[in-house]
């Protein structure tokens, strides 16, 4: 039987939370910093962090990358793709074309 206290953590801000993985991210801090609107507001925390790592904050920023480049980012999965495509469509944008012939 595992001891649940082994999974109890406290972040730098003092939030107490339980985690079953080794991921150091505080879910309370992540929820607090989630935007209320825009591209990043429609994504899960891992997908949001993946785009932030490339300084992608808007649909316009996203359109500067190919779909392959975005899908290769750690944190972006198949469930993110329809949301990203819809956001691009709403802004009359598309992913950058892959010109590697």
C-alpha atoms as a PDB file:
ATOM      1  CA  UNK A   1       0.000   0.000   0.000  1.00  0.00           C
ATOM      2  CA  UNK A   2       1.447   3.384  -0.973  1.00  0.00           C
ATOM      3  CA  UNK A   3       1.638   6.322   1.361  1.00  0.00           C
ATOM      4  CA  UNK A   4      -0.286   9.257  -0.175  1.00  0.00           C
ATOM      5  CA  UNK A   5       1.803  11.752   1.820  1.00  0.00           C
ATOM      6  CA  UNK A   6       4.733  10.927  -0.476  1.00  0.00           C
ATOM      7  CA  UNK A   7       2.819  12.697  -3.248  1.00  0.00           C
ATOM      8  CA  UNK A   8       1.939  15.812  -1.268  1.00  0.00           C
ATOM      9  CA  UNK A   9       3.910  18.829  -2.429  1.00  0.00           C
ATOM     10  CA  UNK A  10       4.204  22.533  -1.722  1.00  0.00           C
ATOM     11  CA  UNK A  11       5.186  24.995  -4.446  1.00  0.00           C
ATOM     12  CA  UNK A  12       7.299  28.137  -4.034  1.00  0.00           C
ATOM     13  CA  UNK A  13       4.123  30.178  -3.551  1.00  0.00           C
ATOM     14  CA  UNK A  14       2.983  27.926  -0.705  1.00  0.00           C
ATOM     15  CA  UNK A  15       0.231  26.029  -2.532  1.00  0.00           C
ATOM     16  CA  UNK A  16      -0.271  22.482  -1.266  1.00  0.00           C
ATOM     17  CA  UNK A  17      -1.171  19.864  -3.869  1.00  0.00           C
ATOM     18  CA  UNK A  18      -0.855  16.168  -4.629  1.00  0.00           C
ATOM     19  CA  UNK A  19       0.964  14.776  -7.674  1.00  0.00           C
ATOM     20  CA  UNK A  20       1.410  11.187  -8.775  1.00  0.00           C
ATOM     21  CA  UNK A  21       4.078  12.009 -11.367  1.00  0.00           C
ATOM     22  CA  UNK A  22       7.510  13.617 -11.140  1.00  0.00           C
ATOM     23  CA  UNK A  23       6.233  16.749 -12.878  1.00  0.00           C
ATOM     24  CA  UNK A  24       7.241  19.752 -10.725  1.00  0.00           C
ATOM     25  CA  UNK A  25       4.476  22.053 -12.047  1.00  0.00           C
ATOM     26  CA  UNK A  26       2.010  23.297  -9.447  1.00  0.00           C
ATOM     27  CA  UNK A  27      -1.534  22.875 -10.831  1.00  0.00           C
ATOM     28  CA  UNK A  28      -2.804  25.787  -8.712  1.00  0.00           C
ATOM     29  CA  UNK A  29      -0.168  28.165 -10.099  1.00  0.00           C
ATOM     30  CA  UNK A  30      -0.944  26.939 -13.626  1.00  0.00           C
ATOM     31  CA  UNK A  31      -4.674  27.592 -13.156  1.00  0.00           C
ATOM     32  CA  UNK A  32      -3.959  31.083 -11.805  1.00  0.00           C
ATOM     33  CA  UNK A  33      -1.851  32.063 -14.794  1.00  0.00           C
ATOM     34  CA  UNK A  34      -4.194  30.678 -17.479  1.00  0.00           C
ATOM     35  CA  UNK A  35      -5.352  33.549 -19.718  1.00  0.00           C
ATOM     36  CA  UNK A  36      -9.067  34.362 -19.891  1.00  0.00           C
ATOM     37  CA  UNK A  37      -9.067  34.945 -23.641  1.00  0.00           C
ATOM     38  CA  UNK A  38      -7.027  34.389 -26.770  1.00  0.00           C
ATOM     39  CA  UNK A  39      -5.172  31.453 -28.228  1.00  0.00           C
ATOM     40  CA  UNK A  40      -3.530  30.297 -24.998  1.00  0.00           C
ATOM     41  CA  UNK A  41      -6.830  30.292 -23.079  1.00  0.00           C
ATOM     42  CA  UNK A  42      -8.224  27.384 -25.125  1.00  0.00           C
ATOM     43  CA  UNK A  43      -5.335  24.993 -24.480  1.00  0.00           C
ATOM     44  CA  UNK A  44      -4.295  22.627 -21.730  1.00  0.00           C
ATOM     45  CA  UNK A  45      -1.407  23.694 -19.508  1.00  0.00           C
ATOM     46  CA  UNK A  46       1.184  21.464 -21.256  1.00  0.00           C
ATOM     47  CA  UNK A  47       0.150  22.740 -24.690  1.00  0.00           C
ATOM     48  CA  UNK A  48       0.143  26.325 -23.430  1.00  0.00           C
ATOM     49  CA  UNK A  49       3.665  25.935 -22.024  1.00  0.00           C
ATOM     50  CA  UNK A  50       4.848  24.368 -25.310  1.00  0.00           C
ATOM     51  CA  UNK A  51       3.661  27.388 -27.306  1.00  0.00           C
ATOM     52  CA  UNK A  52       4.991  29.831 -24.723  1.00  0.00           C
ATOM     53  CA  UNK A  53       8.420  28.182 -25.025  1.00  0.00           C
ATOM     54  CA  UNK A  54       8.441  29.329 -28.677  1.00  0.00           C
ATOM     55  CA  UNK A  55       6.986  32.759 -27.813  1.00  0.00           C
ATOM     56  CA  UNK A  56       3.696  31.910 -29.543  1.00  0.00           C
ATOM     57  CA  UNK A  57       0.937  33.925 -27.920  1.00  0.00           C
ATOM     58  CA  UNK A  58      -1.487  34.708 -30.756  1.00  0.00           C
ATOM     59  CA  UNK A  59      -2.943  33.065 -33.851  1.00  0.00           C
ATOM     60  CA  UNK A  60      -0.702  35.363 -35.890  1.00  0.00           C
ATOM     61  CA  UNK A  61       2.353  33.999 -34.067  1.00  0.00           C
ATOM     62  CA  UNK A  62       1.104  30.446 -34.631  1.00  0.00           C
ATOM     63  CA  UNK A  63       0.738  31.028 -38.377  1.00  0.00           C
ATOM     64  CA  UNK A  64       4.505  31.561 -38.644  1.00  0.00           C
ATOM     65  CA  UNK A  65       5.089  27.845 -37.965  1.00  0.00           C
ATOM     66  CA  UNK A  66       4.286  24.706 -39.942  1.00  0.00           C
ATOM     67  CA  UNK A  67       1.833  22.217 -38.513  1.00  0.00           C
ATOM     68  CA  UNK A  68       4.677  19.692 -38.305  1.00  0.00           C
ATOM     69  CA  UNK A  69       6.801  22.099 -36.238  1.00  0.00           C
ATOM     70  CA  UNK A  70       3.957  22.706 -33.786  1.00  0.00           C
ATOM     71  CA  UNK A  71       3.041  19.027 -33.503  1.00  0.00           C
ATOM     72  CA  UNK A  72       6.671  18.185 -32.702  1.00  0.00           C
ATOM     73  CA  UNK A  73       6.620  20.336 -29.537  1.00  0.00           C
ATOM     74  CA  UNK A  74       6.554  18.459 -26.244  1.00  0.00           C
ATOM     75  CA  UNK A  75       3.126  19.141 -24.742  1.00  0.00           C
ATOM     76  CA  UNK A  76       1.241  19.460 -28.019  1.00  0.00           C
ATOM     77  CA  UNK A  77      -0.880  16.421 -28.787  1.00  0.00           C
ATOM     78  CA  UNK A  78      -3.611  15.373 -31.190  1.00  0.00           C
ATOM     79  CA  UNK A  79      -6.299  16.908 -28.965  1.00  0.00           C
ATOM     80  CA  UNK A  80      -4.669  20.341 -29.356  1.00  0.00           C
ATOM     81  CA  UNK A  81      -4.682  20.321 -33.143  1.00  0.00           C
ATOM     82  CA  UNK A  82      -8.429  20.935 -33.735  1.00  0.00           C
ATOM     83  CA  UNK A  83      -8.331  23.859 -31.289  1.00  0.00           C
ATOM     84  CA  UNK A  84      -5.299  25.367 -33.016  1.00  0.00           C
ATOM     85  CA  UNK A  85      -6.812  24.915 -36.481  1.00  0.00           C
ATOM     86  CA  UNK A  86     -10.077  26.508 -35.355  1.00  0.00           C
ATOM     87  CA  UNK A  87      -8.251  29.483 -33.867  1.00  0.00           C
ATOM     88  CA  UNK A  88      -6.309  29.962 -37.106  1.00  0.00           C
ATOM     89  CA  UNK A  89      -9.535  29.666 -39.143  1.00  0.00           C
ATOM     90  CA  UNK A  90     -11.324  32.240 -36.952  1.00  0.00           C
ATOM     91  CA  UNK A  91      -8.506  34.665 -37.723  1.00  0.00           C
ATOM     92  CA  UNK A  92      -8.433  33.822 -41.470  1.00  0.00           C
ATOM     93  CA  UNK A  93      -4.973  32.288 -41.069  1.00  0.00           C
ATOM     94  CA  UNK A  94      -3.310  28.931 -41.737  1.00  0.00           C
ATOM     95  CA  UNK A  95      -0.169  27.172 -40.675  1.00  0.00           C
ATOM     96  CA  UNK A  96       2.917  28.133 -42.660  1.00  0.00           C
ATOM     97  CA  UNK A  97       3.440  25.911 -45.699  1.00  0.00           C
ATOM     98  CA  UNK A  98       6.176  23.308 -45.482  1.00  0.00           C
ATOM     99  CA  UNK A  99       8.511  24.234 -48.353  1.00  0.00           C
ATOM    100  CA  UNK A 100      11.089  21.454 -47.955  1.00  0.00           C
ATOM    101  CA  UNK A 101      11.076  19.832 -51.394  1.00  0.00           C
END
